[in-house]
N, C-alpha and C. Protein backbone atom coordinates (compact mmCIF):
# COMPACT_ATOMS: atom_id res chain seq x y z
N UNK A 1 143.56 199.62 115.25
CA UNK A 1 144.93 199.49 116.33
C UNK A 1 145.84 198.27 115.98
N UNK A 2 146.66 197.90 116.50
CA UNK A 2 147.92 197.18 116.37
C UNK A 2 147.28 195.77 117.04
N UNK A 3 147.78 194.66 117.24
CA UNK A 3 147.64 193.63 117.69
C UNK A 3 148.93 192.84 118.10
N UNK A 4 149.15 192.66 119.68
CA UNK A 4 150.46 192.29 119.94
C UNK A 4 150.68 190.99 119.32
N UNK A 5 152.01 191.01 119.12
CA UNK A 5 152.53 189.32 118.78
C UNK A 5 152.29 188.77 119.99
N UNK A 6 152.30 187.46 120.11
CA UNK A 6 151.98 186.54 121.11
C UNK A 6 153.34 186.24 122.12
N UNK A 7 153.98 186.60 121.44
CA UNK A 7 155.64 186.16 121.85
C UNK A 7 156.43 187.51 122.00
N UNK A 8 156.12 188.56 121.74
CA UNK A 8 157.02 189.72 122.01
C UNK A 8 156.16 191.18 122.18
N UNK A 9 156.56 192.07 122.26
CA UNK A 9 156.22 193.30 122.32
C UNK A 9 155.83 194.19 120.84
N UNK A 10 155.80 193.45 119.64
CA UNK A 10 155.69 194.01 118.17
C UNK A 10 154.28 193.93 118.00
N UNK A 11 154.10 195.31 117.37
CA UNK A 11 152.60 195.34 116.69
C UNK A 11 152.67 195.64 115.19
N UNK A 12 151.75 195.01 114.74
CA UNK A 12 151.44 194.73 113.11
C UNK A 12 150.41 195.68 112.72
N UNK A 13 150.41 196.29 111.74
CA UNK A 13 148.96 196.85 111.25
C UNK A 13 149.56 197.60 109.42
N UNK A 14 148.56 197.65 108.81
CA UNK A 14 148.71 198.16 107.32
C UNK A 14 149.27 200.03 107.78
N UNK A 15 149.78 200.26 106.81
CA UNK A 15 150.57 201.73 106.96
C UNK A 15 149.38 202.84 107.27
N UNK A 16 149.62 203.79 107.71
CA UNK A 16 148.76 205.11 108.06
C UNK A 16 149.44 206.43 107.22
N UNK A 17 148.74 207.30 107.35
CA UNK A 17 149.66 208.59 106.65
C UNK A 17 150.77 209.19 107.46
N UNK A 18 150.85 209.18 108.80
CA UNK A 18 151.67 209.32 109.66
C UNK A 18 153.04 208.65 109.72
N UNK A 19 152.73 207.39 109.30
CA UNK A 19 153.73 206.52 108.89
C UNK A 19 154.52 206.99 108.02
N UNK A 20 154.43 207.39 106.78
CA UNK A 20 155.14 207.70 105.91
C UNK A 20 156.57 207.86 105.79
N UNK A 21 156.48 209.34 106.51
CA UNK A 21 157.93 209.61 106.50
C UNK A 21 159.03 208.84 107.70
N UNK A 22 158.61 208.37 108.71
CA UNK A 22 159.56 207.43 109.86
C UNK A 22 159.81 206.16 108.67
N UNK A 23 158.82 205.70 107.92
CA UNK A 23 158.91 204.45 107.08
C UNK A 23 159.71 204.56 105.97
N UNK A 24 159.84 205.76 105.15
CA UNK A 24 160.77 206.12 104.29
C UNK A 24 162.22 206.09 104.49
N UNK A 25 162.36 206.63 105.94
CA UNK A 25 163.71 206.93 106.50
C UNK A 25 164.32 205.57 106.80
N UNK A 26 163.54 204.23 107.18
CA UNK A 26 163.97 203.39 107.55
C UNK A 26 164.26 202.67 106.05
N UNK A 27 163.65 202.78 105.07
CA UNK A 27 163.47 202.40 103.97
C UNK A 27 165.06 202.59 103.23
N UNK A 28 165.17 203.86 103.56
CA UNK A 28 166.50 204.42 102.96
C UNK A 28 167.61 203.71 103.92
N UNK A 29 167.67 203.37 105.10
CA UNK A 29 168.65 202.68 106.06
C UNK A 29 168.77 201.37 105.48
N UNK A 30 167.48 200.87 105.08
CA UNK A 30 167.79 199.21 104.72
C UNK A 30 168.00 199.06 103.27
N UNK A 31 168.34 200.16 102.64
CA UNK A 31 168.70 199.96 101.12
C UNK A 31 167.24 199.43 100.46
N UNK A 32 166.07 200.08 100.58
CA UNK A 32 165.04 199.41 100.25
C UNK A 32 165.22 199.82 98.27
N UNK A 33 164.60 198.76 97.75
CA UNK A 33 164.48 199.12 96.43
C UNK A 33 162.97 198.68 95.85
N UNK A 34 162.53 199.51 95.18
CA UNK A 34 160.90 199.43 94.92
C UNK A 34 160.81 199.23 93.16
N UNK A 35 161.15 198.07 92.87
CA UNK A 35 161.29 197.68 91.58
C UNK A 35 162.73 198.34 90.85
N UNK A 36 163.36 198.28 91.56
CA UNK A 36 164.83 198.82 91.51
C UNK A 36 165.12 200.56 91.83
N UNK A 37 164.05 201.15 92.14
CA UNK A 37 164.04 202.40 92.42
C UNK A 37 164.49 202.83 93.97
N UNK A 38 164.99 203.55 93.95
CA UNK A 38 165.70 204.08 95.55
C UNK A 38 165.41 205.52 95.93
N UNK A 39 164.72 206.46 95.34
CA UNK A 39 164.75 207.59 95.77
C UNK A 39 163.38 207.88 96.70
N UNK A 40 163.85 208.98 97.62
CA UNK A 40 162.86 209.34 98.50
C UNK A 40 161.30 209.68 97.68
N UNK A 41 161.32 210.39 96.80
CA UNK A 41 160.36 210.93 96.18
C UNK A 41 159.21 209.69 95.34
N UNK A 42 160.00 208.82 95.14
CA UNK A 42 159.27 207.49 94.74
C UNK A 42 158.79 206.76 95.54
N UNK A 43 159.83 206.20 96.83
CA UNK A 43 159.23 206.14 97.94
C UNK A 43 157.89 206.61 98.61
N UNK A 44 157.90 207.88 98.65
CA UNK A 44 156.58 208.50 99.03
C UNK A 44 155.61 208.39 98.28
N UNK A 45 155.69 208.36 97.02
CA UNK A 45 154.81 208.22 96.09
C UNK A 45 153.99 206.95 96.14
N UNK A 46 154.82 205.80 96.17
CA UNK A 46 154.18 204.44 96.39
C UNK A 46 153.46 204.40 97.56
N UNK A 47 154.52 204.98 98.59
CA UNK A 47 153.38 204.62 100.32
C UNK A 47 152.00 205.20 99.80
N UNK A 48 152.18 206.76 99.54
CA UNK A 48 151.06 207.40 99.35
C UNK A 48 149.94 206.52 98.44
N UNK A 49 150.11 205.77 97.62
CA UNK A 49 149.39 204.93 96.76
C UNK A 49 148.67 203.73 97.49
N UNK A 50 149.50 203.34 98.66
CA UNK A 50 148.80 202.45 99.48
C UNK A 50 147.54 202.79 100.41
N UNK A 51 147.53 204.13 100.45
CA UNK A 51 146.67 204.84 101.26
C UNK A 51 145.44 205.17 100.89
N UNK A 52 145.45 204.96 99.17
CA UNK A 52 144.78 205.53 98.27
C UNK A 52 144.20 204.28 97.48
N UNK A 53 144.65 203.05 97.94
CA UNK A 53 144.13 201.71 97.37
C UNK A 53 144.64 201.60 95.85
N UNK A 54 146.06 202.39 95.70
CA UNK A 54 146.64 202.41 94.17
C UNK A 54 147.33 201.42 93.81
N UNK A 55 146.98 200.16 94.19
CA UNK A 55 147.53 199.08 93.91
C UNK A 55 149.04 198.69 94.64
N UNK A 56 148.99 199.19 95.74
CA UNK A 56 149.97 199.10 96.66
C UNK A 56 149.63 198.81 98.07
N UNK A 57 150.26 197.82 98.88
CA UNK A 57 149.52 197.18 99.98
C UNK A 57 151.11 197.26 101.01
N UNK A 58 150.92 197.71 102.21
CA UNK A 58 152.14 198.06 102.90
C UNK A 58 151.60 197.45 104.49
N UNK A 59 152.35 196.66 104.82
CA UNK A 59 151.99 196.25 106.30
C UNK A 59 153.61 196.66 107.18
N UNK A 60 153.43 197.25 108.07
CA UNK A 60 154.50 197.81 109.05
C UNK A 60 154.51 196.76 110.43
N UNK A 61 155.67 196.72 111.00
CA UNK A 61 155.63 196.25 112.19
C UNK A 61 156.23 197.37 113.50
N UNK A 62 156.02 197.62 114.40
CA UNK A 62 156.17 198.59 115.25
C UNK A 62 156.44 197.97 116.76
N UNK A 63 157.61 198.55 117.48
CA UNK A 63 158.30 198.02 118.69
C UNK A 63 158.31 199.60 119.35
N UNK A 64 157.42 199.53 120.38
CA UNK A 64 157.53 200.88 121.19
C UNK A 64 157.41 201.93 120.48
N UNK A 65 156.36 201.88 119.50
CA UNK A 65 155.74 202.87 118.58
C UNK A 65 156.82 203.21 117.46
N UNK A 66 157.80 202.66 117.43
CA UNK A 66 158.77 202.71 116.26
C UNK A 66 158.70 201.89 115.30
N UNK A 67 158.80 202.44 114.19
CA UNK A 67 158.79 201.14 112.86
C UNK A 67 160.24 200.35 112.93
N UNK A 68 159.84 198.99 112.97
CA UNK A 68 161.20 198.25 112.84
C UNK A 68 160.90 197.30 111.78
N UNK A 69 160.11 197.34 110.68
CA UNK A 69 160.05 196.33 109.95
C UNK A 69 158.81 196.65 108.78
N UNK A 70 158.93 196.10 107.81
CA UNK A 70 157.68 196.37 106.61
C UNK A 70 157.82 195.34 105.62
N UNK A 71 156.56 195.38 104.95
CA UNK A 71 156.43 194.56 103.65
C UNK A 71 155.54 195.32 102.60
N UNK A 72 156.22 195.35 101.60
CA UNK A 72 155.69 196.28 100.54
C UNK A 72 155.27 195.35 99.18
N UNK A 73 153.86 195.64 98.83
CA UNK A 73 153.87 194.67 97.76
C UNK A 73 152.75 195.21 96.69
N UNK A 74 153.22 195.44 95.35
CA UNK A 74 152.26 195.71 94.41
C UNK A 74 151.26 194.68 93.53
N UNK A 75 150.28 195.05 93.59
CA UNK A 75 149.30 194.34 92.56
C UNK A 75 149.00 194.73 91.33
N UNK A 76 149.00 193.48 90.44
CA UNK A 76 149.33 193.74 88.85
C UNK A 76 150.19 194.77 88.47
N UNK A 77 151.40 194.27 88.85
CA UNK A 77 152.74 195.43 88.68
C UNK A 77 152.80 195.98 87.32
N UNK A 78 152.43 195.18 86.42
CA UNK A 78 152.84 196.24 85.20
C UNK A 78 151.79 197.42 84.96
N UNK A 79 150.49 197.01 84.98
CA UNK A 79 149.21 197.83 85.33
C UNK A 79 149.28 199.08 86.32
N UNK A 80 150.35 198.57 87.21
CA UNK A 80 150.49 199.92 88.38
C UNK A 80 151.50 200.79 87.88
N UNK A 81 152.53 200.16 86.96
CA UNK A 81 153.76 201.50 86.72
C UNK A 81 153.21 202.04 85.57
N UNK A 82 152.18 201.69 84.75
CA UNK A 82 151.90 202.34 83.59
C UNK A 82 150.90 203.58 83.91
N UNK A 83 150.23 203.53 85.17
CA UNK A 83 149.73 204.52 85.60
C UNK A 83 150.23 205.35 86.67
N UNK A 84 151.44 205.22 87.32
CA UNK A 84 152.12 205.35 88.05
C UNK A 84 152.52 207.24 87.90
N UNK A 85 152.92 207.24 86.79
CA UNK A 85 153.68 208.57 86.48
C UNK A 85 152.39 209.48 86.23
N UNK A 86 150.99 209.08 85.95
CA UNK A 86 149.78 209.92 85.81
C UNK A 86 149.38 210.43 86.98
N UNK A 87 149.83 209.62 88.17
CA UNK A 87 149.29 209.93 89.47
C UNK A 87 150.30 210.95 90.20
N UNK A 88 151.44 210.73 89.36
CA UNK A 88 152.81 211.19 90.41
C UNK A 88 153.57 211.91 89.26
N UNK A 89 153.06 212.86 88.58
CA UNK A 89 153.57 213.40 87.37
C UNK A 89 155.13 214.08 87.70
N UNK A 90 155.42 214.40 88.89
CA UNK A 90 156.60 214.96 89.68
C UNK A 90 157.59 214.10 89.51
N UNK A 91 157.33 212.76 89.64
CA UNK A 91 158.41 212.10 89.54
C UNK A 91 158.79 211.42 88.07
N UNK A 92 158.74 212.07 87.20
CA UNK A 92 158.73 211.42 85.79
C UNK A 92 160.23 211.73 85.15
N UNK A 93 160.89 212.87 86.04
CA UNK A 93 162.56 212.98 85.48
C UNK A 93 163.38 211.91 86.24
N UNK A 94 162.80 211.31 87.52
CA UNK A 94 163.34 210.50 88.25
C UNK A 94 163.36 209.07 87.71
N UNK A 95 162.18 208.56 87.32
CA UNK A 95 161.58 207.30 86.92
C UNK A 95 162.58 207.24 85.64
N UNK A 96 162.60 208.00 84.73
CA UNK A 96 163.47 207.90 83.48
C UNK A 96 164.50 207.76 83.98
N UNK A 97 165.36 208.72 84.77
CA UNK A 97 166.94 208.68 84.86
C UNK A 97 167.06 207.33 85.79
N UNK A 98 166.32 206.78 86.71
CA UNK A 98 166.63 205.65 87.58
C UNK A 98 166.36 204.41 86.97
N UNK A 99 165.59 204.44 85.85
CA UNK A 99 165.36 203.28 85.03
C UNK A 99 166.48 203.16 83.76
N UNK A 100 167.03 203.91 83.49
CA UNK A 100 168.22 204.13 82.38
C UNK A 100 169.55 203.30 83.55
N UNK A 101 169.52 203.68 84.76
CA UNK A 101 170.67 203.46 85.76
C UNK A 101 170.24 201.55 86.11
N UNK A 102 169.26 201.41 86.25
CA UNK A 102 168.72 199.91 86.47
C UNK A 102 169.31 199.38 85.30
N UNK A 103 168.94 199.50 84.13
CA UNK A 103 169.18 198.72 82.96
C UNK A 103 170.61 198.67 82.94
N UNK A 104 171.40 199.59 83.12
CA UNK A 104 173.02 199.59 83.17
C UNK A 104 173.44 198.47 84.02
N UNK A 105 173.01 198.92 85.19
CA UNK A 105 173.22 197.91 86.67
C UNK A 105 173.18 196.59 85.96
N UNK A 106 172.00 196.19 85.51
CA UNK A 106 171.74 194.71 85.20
C UNK A 106 172.29 194.36 84.36
N UNK A 107 172.91 195.01 83.41
CA UNK A 107 173.78 194.53 82.04
C UNK A 107 175.01 194.24 82.80
N UNK A 108 175.46 194.95 83.48
CA UNK A 108 176.97 194.48 84.30
C UNK A 108 176.89 193.42 85.14
N UNK A 109 175.68 193.14 85.88
CA UNK A 109 175.49 192.10 86.94
C UNK A 109 175.59 190.98 85.95
N UNK A 110 174.86 191.21 84.86
CA UNK A 110 174.71 189.88 83.84
C UNK A 110 176.40 189.48 83.23
N UNK A 111 177.11 190.11 83.11
CA UNK A 111 178.32 190.30 82.60
C UNK A 111 179.24 189.75 83.42
N UNK A 112 178.79 190.02 84.89
CA UNK A 112 180.14 189.32 86.05
C UNK A 112 179.28 188.80 86.78
N UNK A 113 177.99 188.06 86.60
CA UNK A 113 177.50 187.14 87.70
C UNK A 113 178.24 185.47 87.64
N UNK A 114 178.17 185.31 88.81
CA UNK A 114 178.57 184.08 89.04
C UNK A 114 177.91 183.26 90.04
N UNK A 115 177.04 182.00 89.93
CA UNK A 115 176.07 181.64 90.80
C UNK A 115 176.68 180.91 91.90
N UNK A 116 176.10 181.14 93.00
CA UNK A 116 176.89 180.54 93.96
C UNK A 116 176.53 178.95 94.14
N UNK A 117 177.30 178.54 95.37
CA UNK A 117 176.38 177.44 95.85
C UNK A 117 175.06 177.54 96.67
N UNK A 118 173.86 176.94 96.21
CA UNK A 118 172.70 177.56 96.95
C UNK A 118 172.29 176.21 97.71
N UNK A 119 171.48 176.43 98.59
CA UNK A 119 170.72 175.57 99.49
C UNK A 119 169.87 174.32 98.78
N UNK A 120 169.77 173.06 99.21
CA UNK A 120 168.80 172.41 98.51
C UNK A 120 167.37 172.40 98.45
N UNK A 121 167.12 173.46 99.24
CA UNK A 121 165.69 173.67 99.22
C UNK A 121 165.19 174.88 97.75
N UNK A 122 165.98 175.29 97.21
CA UNK A 122 166.12 175.99 95.92
C UNK A 122 166.00 174.75 94.78
N UNK A 123 165.13 175.06 93.96
CA UNK A 123 164.50 174.15 93.26
C UNK A 123 165.76 174.41 91.73
N UNK A 124 165.89 173.15 91.09
CA UNK A 124 166.54 173.01 89.69
C UNK A 124 165.43 173.27 88.52
N UNK A 125 164.33 172.96 88.89
CA UNK A 125 163.11 172.87 88.03
C UNK A 125 162.39 174.25 87.83
N UNK A 126 161.86 174.57 86.82
CA UNK A 126 160.94 175.81 86.46
C UNK A 126 159.33 175.61 87.07
N UNK A 127 158.84 176.39 87.34
CA UNK A 127 157.68 176.42 87.62
C UNK A 127 156.62 176.73 86.72
N UNK A 128 157.14 177.40 85.33
CA UNK A 128 156.63 177.65 84.65
C UNK A 128 156.09 179.14 85.08
N UNK A 129 156.12 179.72 85.94
CA UNK A 129 156.05 181.14 86.64
C UNK A 129 157.25 182.06 86.01
N UNK A 130 156.82 183.65 86.31
CA UNK A 130 157.86 184.47 85.87
C UNK A 130 157.57 185.70 86.37
N UNK A 131 158.62 186.43 86.80
CA UNK A 131 158.51 187.73 87.49
C UNK A 131 157.67 188.97 86.37
N UNK A 132 157.64 188.58 85.08
CA UNK A 132 157.03 189.21 84.15
C UNK A 132 155.46 189.19 83.96
N UNK A 133 155.08 188.24 84.60
CA UNK A 133 153.48 187.98 84.49
C UNK A 133 153.18 189.05 85.23
N UNK A 134 151.95 189.37 85.06
CA UNK A 134 151.06 190.50 85.73
C UNK A 134 149.75 190.35 85.51
N UNK A 135 149.09 190.18 86.81
CA UNK A 135 147.40 190.59 86.53
C UNK A 135 146.75 190.95 87.97
N UNK A 136 145.52 191.07 87.97
CA UNK A 136 144.68 191.30 89.35
C UNK A 136 145.08 190.49 90.14
N UNK A 137 145.14 189.21 89.96
CA UNK A 137 145.48 188.20 90.92
C UNK A 137 146.82 187.71 91.44
N UNK A 138 147.60 188.69 90.98
CA UNK A 138 149.09 188.41 91.43
C UNK A 138 149.75 189.53 91.91
N UNK A 139 150.20 189.40 93.03
CA UNK A 139 151.01 190.39 93.41
C UNK A 139 152.60 190.34 93.65
N UNK A 140 153.34 191.21 93.41
CA UNK A 140 154.89 191.31 93.53
C UNK A 140 155.47 191.99 94.57
N UNK A 141 156.46 191.39 95.56
CA UNK A 141 156.92 191.67 96.83
C UNK A 141 157.88 192.73 96.22
N UNK A 142 158.10 194.08 96.66
CA UNK A 142 159.20 195.20 96.44
C UNK A 142 160.10 195.09 97.66
N UNK A 143 159.81 194.92 98.64
CA UNK A 143 160.77 194.78 99.61
C UNK A 143 160.17 194.41 100.65
N UNK A 144 160.81 193.43 101.69
CA UNK A 144 160.48 193.05 103.04
C UNK A 144 162.03 193.38 103.96
N UNK A 145 161.75 193.91 104.96
CA UNK A 145 163.02 194.27 105.73
C UNK A 145 162.80 194.39 107.26
N UNK A 146 163.38 194.28 108.09
CA UNK A 146 163.36 194.12 109.46
C UNK A 146 164.55 195.27 110.03
N UNK A 147 164.80 196.15 110.80
CA UNK A 147 165.83 196.67 111.28
C UNK A 147 166.40 196.12 112.11
N UNK A 148 167.87 196.20 112.07
CA UNK A 148 168.87 195.13 112.85
C UNK A 148 168.69 195.23 113.82
N UNK A 149 167.89 196.06 114.70
CA UNK A 149 167.86 196.37 116.29
C UNK A 149 166.79 194.97 116.34
N UNK A 150 165.77 194.55 115.86
CA UNK A 150 164.80 193.82 116.18
C UNK A 150 164.59 192.48 115.31
N UNK A 151 165.88 192.21 114.88
CA UNK A 151 165.92 190.87 114.02
C UNK A 151 165.68 189.72 114.97
N UNK A 152 165.63 188.64 114.29
CA UNK A 152 165.50 187.42 114.93
C UNK A 152 164.23 187.41 115.97
N UNK A 153 163.22 187.92 115.80
CA UNK A 153 161.64 187.78 116.70
C UNK A 153 160.97 187.33 115.90
N UNK A 154 160.87 186.69 114.40
CA UNK A 154 160.11 186.10 113.74
C UNK A 154 159.08 187.34 112.98
N UNK A 155 159.70 188.66 113.11
CA UNK A 155 158.65 189.54 112.56
C UNK A 155 158.77 189.36 111.05
N UNK A 156 159.47 188.86 110.34
CA UNK A 156 159.62 188.85 108.87
C UNK A 156 158.32 187.69 108.52
N UNK A 157 158.31 186.77 109.26
CA UNK A 157 157.45 185.72 109.00
C UNK A 157 155.55 186.21 109.18
N UNK A 158 155.71 187.00 110.31
CA UNK A 158 154.07 187.59 110.79
C UNK A 158 153.98 188.66 109.72
N UNK A 159 155.00 189.37 109.32
CA UNK A 159 154.61 190.58 108.22
C UNK A 159 154.06 189.80 107.26
N UNK A 160 154.81 188.69 106.36
CA UNK A 160 154.35 187.97 105.53
C UNK A 160 152.95 187.44 105.75
N UNK A 161 152.58 187.10 106.94
CA UNK A 161 151.49 186.42 107.39
C UNK A 161 150.27 187.43 107.24
N UNK A 162 150.47 188.71 107.75
CA UNK A 162 149.67 189.85 107.49
C UNK A 162 149.40 190.15 105.90
N UNK A 163 150.47 190.37 105.64
CA UNK A 163 150.42 191.00 104.22
C UNK A 163 149.71 190.05 103.21
N UNK A 164 149.90 188.71 103.40
CA UNK A 164 149.10 187.62 102.43
C UNK A 164 147.44 187.74 102.82
N UNK A 165 147.03 188.09 104.15
CA UNK A 165 145.80 188.19 104.48
C UNK A 165 145.08 189.63 103.66
N UNK A 166 145.90 190.54 103.68
CA UNK A 166 145.58 191.96 103.11
C UNK A 166 145.47 191.80 101.75
N UNK A 167 146.49 190.82 101.03
CA UNK A 167 146.27 190.70 99.49
C UNK A 167 145.11 189.85 99.22
N UNK A 168 144.88 188.61 100.19
CA UNK A 168 143.74 187.80 99.56
C UNK A 168 142.59 188.78 99.65
N UNK A 169 142.48 189.73 100.54
CA UNK A 169 141.13 190.37 100.81
C UNK A 169 140.88 191.35 99.60
N UNK A 170 142.20 191.64 98.84
CA UNK A 170 141.97 192.24 97.69
C UNK A 170 141.78 191.43 96.10
N UNK A 171 141.38 190.17 96.56
CA UNK A 171 141.40 189.23 95.29
C UNK A 171 142.50 188.69 94.95
N UNK A 172 144.09 188.93 95.50
CA UNK A 172 145.05 188.30 94.93
C UNK A 172 145.06 186.84 95.13
N UNK A 173 145.66 185.90 94.42
CA UNK A 173 145.73 184.65 94.92
C UNK A 173 146.97 183.90 94.56
N UNK A 174 148.18 184.80 94.28
CA UNK A 174 149.56 184.50 94.19
C UNK A 174 150.43 185.57 94.24
N UNK A 175 151.81 185.36 95.00
CA UNK A 175 152.70 186.55 95.14
C UNK A 175 154.04 185.78 94.68
N UNK A 176 154.61 186.62 94.03
CA UNK A 176 156.07 186.39 93.38
C UNK A 176 157.09 187.55 94.11
N UNK A 177 158.08 187.07 94.33
CA UNK A 177 159.48 187.55 94.91
C UNK A 177 160.75 187.58 93.84
N UNK A 178 161.58 188.29 93.91
CA UNK A 178 162.76 188.19 93.29
C UNK A 178 163.78 188.13 94.61
N UNK A 179 164.72 187.32 94.72
CA UNK A 179 165.92 187.05 95.84
C UNK A 179 167.09 187.09 95.29
N UNK A 180 168.05 188.01 95.71
CA UNK A 180 169.31 187.92 95.36
C UNK A 180 170.08 186.50 95.86
N UNK A 181 171.21 186.22 94.91
CA UNK A 181 171.55 185.10 95.30
C UNK A 181 172.35 184.96 96.77
N UNK A 182 172.95 186.22 96.90
CA UNK A 182 173.81 186.31 98.15
C UNK A 182 172.72 186.53 99.39
N UNK A 183 171.56 186.83 99.23
CA UNK A 183 170.66 187.45 100.50
C UNK A 183 170.20 185.85 101.14
N UNK A 184 171.43 185.31 102.02
CA UNK A 184 171.14 184.26 102.41
C UNK A 184 169.52 184.42 103.59
N UNK A 185 169.80 185.14 104.37
CA UNK A 185 168.43 185.46 105.26
C UNK A 185 167.25 185.47 104.50
N UNK A 186 167.15 186.42 103.20
CA UNK A 186 165.86 186.42 102.62
C UNK A 186 165.63 184.91 102.23
N UNK A 187 166.40 184.48 101.43
CA UNK A 187 166.18 182.49 101.09
C UNK A 187 165.57 181.84 101.99
N UNK A 188 166.23 182.06 103.24
CA UNK A 188 165.86 181.33 104.46
C UNK A 188 164.42 181.38 105.06
N UNK A 189 164.04 183.11 104.65
CA UNK A 189 162.73 183.36 105.47
C UNK A 189 161.78 183.04 104.36
N UNK A 190 161.87 183.02 102.83
CA UNK A 190 160.68 182.20 102.13
C UNK A 190 160.67 180.93 102.26
N UNK A 191 161.91 180.00 102.29
CA UNK A 191 161.87 178.91 102.54
C UNK A 191 160.96 178.46 103.39
N UNK A 192 161.03 179.05 104.83
CA UNK A 192 160.61 179.03 106.07
C UNK A 192 158.93 179.30 106.15
N UNK A 193 158.42 180.20 105.04
CA UNK A 193 157.26 180.49 105.06
C UNK A 193 156.56 179.91 103.82
N UNK A 194 157.11 178.99 103.60
CA UNK A 194 156.37 178.22 102.60
C UNK A 194 156.56 178.47 100.90
N UNK A 195 157.48 179.38 100.22
CA UNK A 195 157.64 179.56 99.05
C UNK A 195 158.40 178.51 98.08
N UNK A 196 157.86 178.51 96.80
CA UNK A 196 158.79 177.65 96.13
C UNK A 196 160.02 178.53 95.19
N UNK A 197 161.12 178.22 95.50
CA UNK A 197 162.30 179.11 95.03
C UNK A 197 162.79 178.46 94.15
N UNK A 198 163.08 179.03 93.05
CA UNK A 198 163.86 178.52 91.62
C UNK A 198 164.88 179.42 91.12
N UNK A 199 165.53 178.85 90.39
CA UNK A 199 166.58 179.96 89.62
C UNK A 199 166.20 180.55 88.61
N UNK A 200 166.50 181.62 88.61
CA UNK A 200 166.04 182.57 87.58
C UNK A 200 167.13 183.11 86.83
N UNK A 201 167.01 184.02 85.72
CA UNK A 201 168.16 184.37 84.76
C UNK A 201 169.43 185.09 85.86
N UNK A 202 169.37 185.99 86.54
CA UNK A 202 169.99 186.83 87.41
C UNK A 202 169.80 186.98 88.91
N UNK A 203 169.01 186.05 89.40
CA UNK A 203 168.68 185.98 90.66
C UNK A 203 167.85 184.63 91.09
N UNK A 204 167.18 184.69 92.07
CA UNK A 204 166.09 183.59 92.43
C UNK A 204 164.59 184.17 92.27
N UNK A 205 163.73 183.25 92.00
CA UNK A 205 162.38 183.73 91.66
C UNK A 205 161.52 183.08 92.80
N UNK A 206 160.69 183.43 93.37
CA UNK A 206 160.04 182.67 94.68
C UNK A 206 158.62 182.96 94.30
N UNK A 207 157.82 181.87 94.36
CA UNK A 207 156.26 182.14 94.25
C UNK A 207 155.62 181.56 95.29
N UNK A 208 154.46 182.00 95.48
CA UNK A 208 153.59 180.99 96.80
C UNK A 208 152.07 181.31 96.46
N UNK A 209 151.15 180.52 96.26
CA UNK A 209 149.83 180.71 96.41
C UNK A 209 148.70 181.04 97.76
N UNK A 210 148.45 181.93 97.92
CA UNK A 210 147.70 182.36 98.83
C UNK A 210 146.25 182.16 99.15
N UNK A 211 145.50 181.86 98.04
CA UNK A 211 144.14 181.24 97.77
C UNK A 211 144.00 180.47 97.09
């Protein structure tokens, strides 16, 4: 059962099987990417892995029994994707096609990128950590979002609190995230929840120790 937020009517809990379809619908509306992937079939496969403890952890927020927010993390990202297509062979074509599209999009972004003025809490110094690092004690945030109708209620902060607890219970000690330069609400959320935010090649890299 979910636990009521002390200041609102929001409930938080891990994903259940009946949640997959409405969550995928919300993910589509909020332009979710799972390591760059955006298809419903890949959404569903990754969500299914969270129920099978396949390296995915998903926490959802509900208001009046409707999903209004979610946070998704992958544990040991590189290992997860190495085995993903073995578990979900029906996604092979989409994975190959979308990976090629992601590479082309990234190359185009790098050619046109201009770094904006960033808040003072974005560090100019490198932590020595990077998105490419992968191990059983490192998790990567794939997406965190709150439906427009339920923002400014502290849902993002509470989603991270619940997600960190779930990840720590799985032996995770560190969590990383990529943030777009233009995503000021996300930058503020990560700064407010204790992440170290620094400049990376074509985005911002955030990292936090949870254990």
